[in-house]
């Protein structure tokens, strides 16, 4: 997205199966981002939670060294899929 010049305020992003990766850092550029992950009810026994491959809450996506909390809260949403 950076190389294509798409990290601009007012744009929107969508992440598929984000886990705890810092992909919502796009919020730093004030890009509204929806991160998705598997419904927590379906994760049991898959090992994803133990290896930080599942976002069990929106807070798992927050990295204070990347973006201010207020900006993150304003621009990042988490949606679960089945």
PDB file of N, CA and C in Angstrom:
ATOM      1  N   UNK A   1       0.825  -1.187   0.000  1.00  0.00           N
ATOM      2  CA  UNK A   1       0.000   0.000   0.000  1.00  0.00           C
ATOM      3  C   UNK A   1       0.868   1.249   0.000  1.00  0.00           C
ATOM      4  N   UNK A   2       1.980   1.185   0.733  1.00  0.00           N
ATOM      5  CA  UNK A   2       2.878   2.337   0.788  1.00  0.00           C
ATOM      6  C   UNK A   2       3.442   2.637  -0.598  1.00  0.00           C
ATOM      7  N   UNK A   3       3.972   1.608  -1.255  1.00  0.00           N
ATOM      8  CA  UNK A   3       4.594   1.795  -2.562  1.00  0.00           C
ATOM      9  C   UNK A   3       3.599   2.263  -3.616  1.00  0.00           C
ATOM     10  N   UNK A   4       2.335   1.905  -3.456  1.00  0.00           N
ATOM     11  CA  UNK A   4       1.310   2.313  -4.408  1.00  0.00           C
ATOM     12  C   UNK A   4       0.732   3.684  -4.075  1.00  0.00           C
ATOM     13  N   UNK A   5       1.209   4.313  -2.991  1.00  0.00           N
ATOM     14  CA  UNK A   5       0.719   5.632  -2.614  1.00  0.00           C
ATOM     15  C   UNK A   5      -0.680   5.619  -2.027  1.00  0.00           C
ATOM     16  N   UNK A   6      -1.077   4.486  -1.438  1.00  0.00           N
ATOM     17  CA  UNK A   6      -2.440   4.361  -0.927  1.00  0.00           C
ATOM     18  C   UNK A   6      -2.590   4.669   0.562  1.00  0.00           C
ATOM     19  N   UNK A   7      -1.499   4.928   1.248  1.00  0.00           N
ATOM     20  CA  UNK A   7      -1.589   5.257   2.671  1.00  0.00           C
ATOM     21  C   UNK A   7      -1.890   6.734   2.836  1.00  0.00           C
ATOM     22  N   UNK A   8      -3.156   7.056   2.623  1.00  0.00           N
ATOM     23  CA  UNK A   8      -3.605   8.441   2.686  1.00  0.00           C
ATOM     24  C   UNK A   8      -4.832   8.543   3.573  1.00  0.00           C
ATOM     25  N   UNK A   9      -4.885   9.608   4.339  1.00  0.00           N
ATOM     26  CA  UNK A   9      -6.029   9.849   5.204  1.00  0.00           C
ATOM     27  C   UNK A   9      -7.312   9.796   4.394  1.00  0.00           C
ATOM     28  N   UNK A  10      -8.337   9.172   4.982  1.00  0.00           N
ATOM     29  CA  UNK A  10      -9.635   9.088   4.335  1.00  0.00           C
ATOM     30  C   UNK A  10      -9.859   7.783   3.591  1.00  0.00           C
ATOM     31  N   UNK A  11      -8.816   7.018   3.365  1.00  0.00           N
ATOM     32  CA  UNK A  11      -8.977   5.719   2.710  1.00  0.00           C
ATOM     33  C   UNK A  11      -9.461   4.697   3.733  1.00  0.00           C
ATOM     34  N   UNK A  12      -9.858   3.520   3.231  1.00  0.00           N
ATOM     35  CA  UNK A  12     -10.324   2.440   4.091  1.00  0.00           C
ATOM     36  C   UNK A  12      -9.550   1.172   3.763  1.00  0.00           C
ATOM     37  N   UNK A  13      -9.335   0.348   4.772  1.00  0.00           N
ATOM     38  CA  UNK A  13      -8.633  -0.907   4.590  1.00  0.00           C
ATOM     39  C   UNK A  13      -9.399  -2.050   5.226  1.00  0.00           C
ATOM     40  N   UNK A  14      -9.101  -3.256   4.755  1.00  0.00           N
ATOM     41  CA  UNK A  14      -9.775  -4.451   5.244  1.00  0.00           C
ATOM     42  C   UNK A  14      -8.738  -5.551   5.327  1.00  0.00           C
ATOM     43  N   UNK A  15      -8.548  -6.130   6.502  1.00  0.00           N
ATOM     44  CA  UNK A  15      -7.579  -7.203   6.680  1.00  0.00           C
ATOM     45  C   UNK A  15      -8.277  -8.532   6.889  1.00  0.00           C
ATOM     46  N   UNK A  16      -7.827  -9.550   6.205  1.00  0.00           N
ATOM     47  CA  UNK A  16      -8.426 -10.883   6.311  1.00  0.00           C
ATOM     48  C   UNK A  16      -7.565 -11.773   7.200  1.00  0.00           C
ATOM     49  N   UNK A  17      -8.162 -12.355   8.233  1.00  0.00           N
ATOM     50  CA  UNK A  17      -7.450 -13.276   9.108  1.00  0.00           C
ATOM     51  C   UNK A  17      -6.222 -12.647   9.734  1.00  0.00           C
ATOM     52  N   UNK A  18      -6.389 -11.544  10.401  1.00  0.00           N
ATOM     53  CA  UNK A  18      -5.266 -10.730  10.882  1.00  0.00           C
ATOM     54  C   UNK A  18      -4.499 -11.315  12.047  1.00  0.00           C
ATOM     55  N   UNK A  19      -5.136 -12.115  12.875  1.00  0.00           N
ATOM     56  CA  UNK A  19      -4.445 -12.578  14.069  1.00  0.00           C
ATOM     57  C   UNK A  19      -3.990 -11.383  14.885  1.00  0.00           C
ATOM     58  N   UNK A  20      -2.805 -11.488  15.489  1.00  0.00           N
ATOM     59  CA  UNK A  20      -2.279 -10.378  16.285  1.00  0.00           C
ATOM     60  C   UNK A  20      -1.241  -9.575  15.522  1.00  0.00           C
ATOM     61  N   UNK A  21      -1.227  -9.707  14.213  1.00  0.00           N
ATOM     62  CA  UNK A  21      -0.281  -8.940  13.409  1.00  0.00           C
ATOM     63  C   UNK A  21      -0.617  -7.449  13.493  1.00  0.00           C
ATOM     64  N   UNK A  22       0.380  -6.610  13.387  1.00  0.00           N
ATOM     65  CA  UNK A  22       0.129  -5.164  13.520  1.00  0.00           C
ATOM     66  C   UNK A  22      -0.411  -4.512  12.256  1.00  0.00           C
ATOM     67  N   UNK A  23      -1.236  -5.216  11.488  1.00  0.00           N
ATOM     68  CA  UNK A  23      -1.758  -4.623  10.250  1.00  0.00           C
ATOM     69  C   UNK A  23      -2.609  -3.380  10.483  1.00  0.00           C
ATOM     70  N   UNK A  24      -3.322  -3.248  11.611  1.00  0.00           N
ATOM     71  CA  UNK A  24      -4.086  -2.024  11.803  1.00  0.00           C
ATOM     72  C   UNK A  24      -3.242  -0.779  12.026  1.00  0.00           C
ATOM     73  N   UNK A  25      -1.930  -0.885  11.838  1.00  0.00           N
ATOM     74  CA  UNK A  25      -1.091   0.304  11.944  1.00  0.00           C
ATOM     75  C   UNK A  25      -1.463   1.331  10.882  1.00  0.00           C
ATOM     76  N   UNK A  26      -2.269   0.922   9.905  1.00  0.00           N
ATOM     77  CA  UNK A  26      -2.748   1.879   8.908  1.00  0.00           C
ATOM     78  C   UNK A  26      -3.533   3.002   9.579  1.00  0.00           C
ATOM     79  N   UNK A  27      -4.045   2.729  10.780  1.00  0.00           N
ATOM     80  CA  UNK A  27      -4.791   3.764  11.499  1.00  0.00           C
ATOM     81  C   UNK A  27      -3.905   4.960  11.804  1.00  0.00           C
ATOM     82  N   UNK A  28      -2.588   4.744  11.866  1.00  0.00           N
ATOM     83  CA  UNK A  28      -1.672   5.860  12.105  1.00  0.00           C
ATOM     84  C   UNK A  28      -1.815   6.907  11.007  1.00  0.00           C
ATOM     85  N   UNK A  29      -2.114   6.449   9.795  1.00  0.00           N
ATOM     86  CA  UNK A  29      -2.333   7.359   8.675  1.00  0.00           C
ATOM     87  C   UNK A  29      -3.804   7.785   8.614  1.00  0.00           C
ATOM     88  N   UNK A  30      -4.552   7.429   9.661  1.00  0.00           N
ATOM     89  CA  UNK A  30      -5.983   7.738   9.764  1.00  0.00           C
ATOM     90  C   UNK A  30      -6.791   7.078   8.651  1.00  0.00           C
ATOM     91  N   UNK A  31      -6.422   5.833   8.376  1.00  0.00           N
ATOM     92  CA  UNK A  31      -7.157   4.993   7.439  1.00  0.00           C
ATOM     93  C   UNK A  31      -8.073   4.101   8.274  1.00  0.00           C
ATOM     94  N   UNK A  32      -9.367   4.172   8.009  1.00  0.00           N
ATOM     95  CA  UNK A  32     -10.306   3.314   8.729  1.00  0.00           C
ATOM     96  C   UNK A  32     -10.059   1.877   8.305  1.00  0.00           C
ATOM     97  N   UNK A  33      -9.799   1.000   9.291  1.00  0.00           N
ATOM     98  CA  UNK A  33      -9.414  -0.369   9.010  1.00  0.00           C
ATOM     99  C   UNK A  33     -10.326  -1.338   9.745  1.00  0.00           C
ATOM    100  N   UNK A  34     -10.817  -2.348   9.026  1.00  0.00           N
ATOM    101  CA  UNK A  34     -11.553  -3.445   9.644  1.00  0.00           C
ATOM    102  C   UNK A  34     -10.647  -4.666   9.562  1.00  0.00           C
ATOM    103  N   UNK A  35     -10.245  -5.166  10.714  1.00  0.00           N
ATOM    104  CA  UNK A  35      -9.468  -6.397  10.795  1.00  0.00           C
ATOM    105  C   UNK A  35     -10.449  -7.538  11.046  1.00  0.00           C
ATOM    106  N   UNK A  36     -10.221  -8.665  10.407  1.00  0.00           N
ATOM    107  CA  UNK A  36     -11.108  -9.805  10.613  1.00  0.00           C
ATOM    108  C   UNK A  36     -10.321 -10.980  11.164  1.00  0.00           C
ATOM    109  N   UNK A  37     -11.040 -11.868  11.820  1.00  0.00           N
ATOM    110  CA  UNK A  37     -10.470 -13.125  12.285  1.00  0.00           C
ATOM    111  C   UNK A  37     -11.619 -14.103  12.476  1.00  0.00           C
ATOM    112  N   UNK A  38     -11.247 -15.350  12.676  1.00  0.00           N
ATOM    113  CA  UNK A  38     -12.232 -16.400  12.872  1.00  0.00           C
ATOM    114  C   UNK A  38     -12.982 -16.177  14.180  1.00  0.00           C
ATOM    115  N   UNK A  39     -14.254 -16.512  14.172  1.00  0.00           N
ATOM    116  CA  UNK A  39     -15.081 -16.404  15.372  1.00  0.00           C
ATOM    117  C   UNK A  39     -14.391 -17.162  16.513  1.00  0.00           C
ATOM    118  N   UNK A  40     -14.242 -16.520  17.684  1.00  0.00           N
ATOM    119  CA  UNK A  40     -13.549 -17.165  18.803  1.00  0.00           C
ATOM    120  C   UNK A  40     -14.122 -18.532  19.182  1.00  0.00           C
ATOM    121  N   UNK A  41     -15.411 -18.741  18.984  1.00  0.00           N
ATOM    122  CA  UNK A  41     -16.027 -20.024  19.312  1.00  0.00           C
ATOM    123  C   UNK A  41     -15.493 -21.150  18.438  1.00  0.00           C
ATOM    124  N   UNK A  42     -14.903 -20.832  17.302  1.00  0.00           N
ATOM    125  CA  UNK A  42     -14.400 -21.857  16.374  1.00  0.00           C
ATOM    126  C   UNK A  42     -12.889 -22.062  16.484  1.00  0.00           C
ATOM    127  N   UNK A  43     -12.216 -21.291  17.318  1.00  0.00           N
ATOM    128  CA  UNK A  43     -10.756 -21.340  17.404  1.00  0.00           C
ATOM    129  C   UNK A  43     -10.254 -22.454  18.322  1.00  0.00           C
ATOM    130  N   UNK A  44     -11.061 -22.870  19.276  1.00  0.00           N
ATOM    131  CA  UNK A  44     -10.640 -23.864  20.257  1.00  0.00           C
ATOM    132  C   UNK A  44     -10.044 -25.098  19.585  1.00  0.00           C
ATOM    133  N   UNK A  45      -8.882 -25.512  20.081  1.00  0.00           N
ATOM    134  CA  UNK A  45      -8.236 -26.716  19.579  1.00  0.00           C
ATOM    135  C   UNK A  45      -7.413 -26.530  18.325  1.00  0.00           C
ATOM    136  N   UNK A  46      -7.394 -25.331  17.761  1.00  0.00           N
ATOM    137  CA  UNK A  46      -6.649 -25.094  16.527  1.00  0.00           C
ATOM    138  C   UNK A  46      -5.213 -24.645  16.790  1.00  0.00           C
ATOM    139  N   UNK A  47      -4.919 -24.223  18.023  1.00  0.00           N
ATOM    140  CA  UNK A  47      -3.582 -23.770  18.364  1.00  0.00           C
ATOM    141  C   UNK A  47      -3.311 -22.317  18.025  1.00  0.00           C
ATOM    142  N   UNK A  48      -4.260 -21.645  17.416  1.00  0.00           N
ATOM    143  CA  UNK A  48      -4.061 -20.259  16.993  1.00  0.00           C
ATOM    144  C   UNK A  48      -3.897 -19.320  18.177  1.00  0.00           C
ATOM    145  N   UNK A  49      -4.696 -19.527  19.212  1.00  0.00           N
ATOM    146  CA  UNK A  49      -4.642 -18.637  20.373  1.00  0.00           C
ATOM    147  C   UNK A  49      -3.288 -18.749  21.074  1.00  0.00           C
ATOM    148  N   UNK A  50      -2.769 -19.952  21.157  1.00  0.00           N
ATOM    149  CA  UNK A  50      -1.504 -20.186  21.850  1.00  0.00           C
ATOM    150  C   UNK A  50      -0.301 -19.611  21.097  1.00  0.00           C
ATOM    151  N   UNK A  51      -0.430 -19.419  19.815  1.00  0.00           N
ATOM    152  CA  UNK A  51       0.687 -18.931  18.995  1.00  0.00           C
ATOM    153  C   UNK A  51       0.445 -17.515  18.476  1.00  0.00           C
ATOM    154  N   UNK A  52      -0.444 -16.782  19.108  1.00  0.00           N
ATOM    155  CA  UNK A  52      -0.768 -15.394  18.770  1.00  0.00           C
ATOM    156  C   UNK A  52      -1.219 -15.250  17.311  1.00  0.00           C
ATOM    157  N   UNK A  53      -1.900 -16.262  16.809  1.00  0.00           N
ATOM    158  CA  UNK A  53      -2.421 -16.198  15.450  1.00  0.00           C
ATOM    159  C   UNK A  53      -3.913 -15.874  15.421  1.00  0.00           C
ATOM    160  N   UNK A  54      -4.463 -15.502  16.563  1.00  0.00           N
ATOM    161  CA  UNK A  54      -5.884 -15.170  16.615  1.00  0.00           C
ATOM    162  C   UNK A  54      -6.088 -13.905  17.433  1.00  0.00           C
ATOM    163  N   UNK A  55      -6.876 -13.005  16.899  1.00  0.00           N
ATOM    164  CA  UNK A  55      -7.223 -11.772  17.618  1.00  0.00           C
ATOM    165  C   UNK A  55      -8.472 -12.040  18.450  1.00  0.00           C
ATOM    166  N   UNK A  56      -8.254 -12.380  19.703  1.00  0.00           N
ATOM    167  CA  UNK A  56      -9.383 -12.683  20.577  1.00  0.00           C
ATOM    168  C   UNK A  56     -10.107 -11.425  21.046  1.00  0.00           C
ATOM    169  N   UNK A  57      -9.503 -10.259  20.792  1.00  0.00           N
ATOM    170  CA  UNK A  57     -10.142  -8.983  21.101  1.00  0.00           C
ATOM    171  C   UNK A  57      -9.469  -7.897  20.270  1.00  0.00           C
ATOM    172  N   UNK A  58     -10.113  -6.774  20.167  1.00  0.00           N
ATOM    173  CA  UNK A  58      -9.535  -5.658  19.414  1.00  0.00           C
ATOM    174  C   UNK A  58      -8.247  -5.171  20.067  1.00  0.00           C
ATOM    175  N   UNK A  59      -8.166  -5.286  21.383  1.00  0.00           N
ATOM    176  CA  UNK A  59      -6.951  -4.868  22.088  1.00  0.00           C
ATOM    177  C   UNK A  59      -5.722  -5.650  21.651  1.00  0.00           C
ATOM    178  N   UNK A  60      -5.896  -6.876  21.182  1.00  0.00           N
ATOM    179  CA  UNK A  60      -4.767  -7.685  20.707  1.00  0.00           C
ATOM    180  C   UNK A  60      -4.137  -7.082  19.452  1.00  0.00           C
ATOM    181  N   UNK A  61      -4.842  -6.190  18.789  1.00  0.00           N
ATOM    182  CA  UNK A  61      -4.351  -5.557  17.565  1.00  0.00           C
ATOM    183  C   UNK A  61      -3.607  -4.254  17.839  1.00  0.00           C
ATOM    184  N   UNK A  62      -3.692  -3.783  19.066  1.00  0.00           N
ATOM    185  CA  UNK A  62      -3.116  -2.479  19.411  1.00  0.00           C
ATOM    186  C   UNK A  62      -1.638  -2.595  19.774  1.00  0.00           C
ATOM    187  N   UNK A  63      -0.829  -1.773  19.145  1.00  0.00           N
ATOM    188  CA  UNK A  63       0.605  -1.702  19.417  1.00  0.00           C
ATOM    189  C   UNK A  63       0.950  -0.244  19.727  1.00  0.00           C
ATOM    190  N   UNK A  64       1.171   0.095  21.004  1.00  0.00           N
ATOM    191  CA  UNK A  64       1.382   1.488  21.388  1.00  0.00           C
ATOM    192  C   UNK A  64       2.623   2.124  20.768  1.00  0.00           C
ATOM    193  N   UNK A  65       3.582   1.310  20.356  1.00  0.00           N
ATOM    194  CA  UNK A  65       4.776   1.879  19.735  1.00  0.00           C
ATOM    195  C   UNK A  65       4.543   2.235  18.271  1.00  0.00           C
ATOM    196  N   UNK A  66       3.368   1.856  17.739  1.00  0.00           N
ATOM    197  CA  UNK A  66       3.048   2.144  16.339  1.00  0.00           C
ATOM    198  C   UNK A  66       2.058   3.291  16.204  1.00  0.00           C
ATOM    199  N   UNK A  67       1.045   3.321  17.068  1.00  0.00           N
ATOM    200  CA  UNK A  67      -0.027   4.308  16.919  1.00  0.00           C
ATOM    201  C   UNK A  67      -0.578   4.699  18.294  1.00  0.00           C
ATOM    202  N   UNK A  68      -1.004   5.941  18.428  1.00  0.00           N
ATOM    203  CA  UNK A  68      -1.617   6.409  19.670  1.00  0.00           C
ATOM    204  C   UNK A  68      -2.957   5.712  19.884  1.00  0.00           C
ATOM    205  N   UNK A  69      -3.270   5.459  21.133  1.00  0.00           N
ATOM    206  CA  UNK A  69      -4.502   4.735  21.463  1.00  0.00           C
ATOM    207  C   UNK A  69      -5.741   5.434  20.907  1.00  0.00           C
ATOM    208  N   UNK A  70      -5.812   6.733  21.064  1.00  0.00           N
ATOM    209  CA  UNK A  70      -6.985   7.483  20.582  1.00  0.00           C
ATOM    210  C   UNK A  70      -7.166   7.308  19.076  1.00  0.00           C
ATOM    211  N   UNK A  71      -6.085   7.366  18.336  1.00  0.00           N
ATOM    212  CA  UNK A  71      -6.155   7.195  16.886  1.00  0.00           C
ATOM    213  C   UNK A  71      -6.572   5.772  16.538  1.00  0.00           C
ATOM    214  N   UNK A  72      -5.975   4.795  17.217  1.00  0.00           N
ATOM    215  CA  UNK A  72      -6.342   3.390  17.012  1.00  0.00           C
ATOM    216  C   UNK A  72      -7.827   3.187  17.271  1.00  0.00           C
ATOM    217  N   UNK A  73      -8.308   3.667  18.409  1.00  0.00           N
ATOM    218  CA  UNK A  73      -9.716   3.481  18.772  1.00  0.00           C
ATOM    219  C   UNK A  73     -10.658   4.109  17.752  1.00  0.00           C
ATOM    220  N   UNK A  74     -10.258   5.203  17.173  1.00  0.00           N
ATOM    221  CA  UNK A  74     -11.098   5.897  16.213  1.00  0.00           C
ATOM    222  C   UNK A  74     -11.144   5.191  14.849  1.00  0.00           C
ATOM    223  N   UNK A  75     -10.069   4.501  14.491  1.00  0.00           N
ATOM    224  CA  UNK A  75      -9.962   4.014  13.122  1.00  0.00           C
ATOM    225  C   UNK A  75      -9.900   2.501  12.929  1.00  0.00           C
ATOM    226  N   UNK A  76      -9.898   1.713  14.011  1.00  0.00           N
ATOM    227  CA  UNK A  76      -9.766   0.272  13.856  1.00  0.00           C
ATOM    228  C   UNK A  76     -10.981  -0.439  14.451  1.00  0.00           C
ATOM    229  N   UNK A  77     -11.526  -1.349  13.659  1.00  0.00           N
ATOM    230  CA  UNK A  77     -12.621  -2.216  14.108  1.00  0.00           C
ATOM    231  C   UNK A  77     -12.195  -3.661  13.903  1.00  0.00           C
ATOM    232  N   UNK A  78     -12.772  -4.555  14.683  1.00  0.00           N
ATOM    233  CA  UNK A  78     -12.520  -5.993  14.550  1.00  0.00           C
ATOM    234  C   UNK A  78     -13.835  -6.683  14.281  1.00  0.00           C
ATOM    235  N   UNK A  79     -13.865  -7.529  13.270  1.00  0.00           N
ATOM    236  CA  UNK A  79     -15.074  -8.297  12.943  1.00  0.00           C
ATOM    237  C   UNK A  79     -14.706  -9.772  12.872  1.00  0.00           C
ATOM    238  N   UNK A  80     -15.538 -10.590  13.470  1.00  0.00           N
ATOM    239  CA  UNK A  80     -15.314 -12.036  13.410  1.00  0.00           C
ATOM    240  C   UNK A  80     -16.123 -12.649  12.285  1.00  0.00           C
ATOM    241  N   UNK A  81     -15.542 -13.633  11.649  1.00  0.00           N
ATOM    242  CA  UNK A  81     -16.216 -14.332  10.562  1.00  0.00           C
ATOM    243  C   UNK A  81     -16.346 -15.813  10.939  1.00  0.00           C
ATOM    244  N   UNK A  82     -17.284 -16.486  10.335  1.00  0.00           N
ATOM    245  CA  UNK A  82     -17.496 -17.901  10.621  1.00  0.00           C
ATOM    246  C   UNK A  82     -17.075 -18.770   9.468  1.00  0.00           C
TER     247      UNK A  82
END
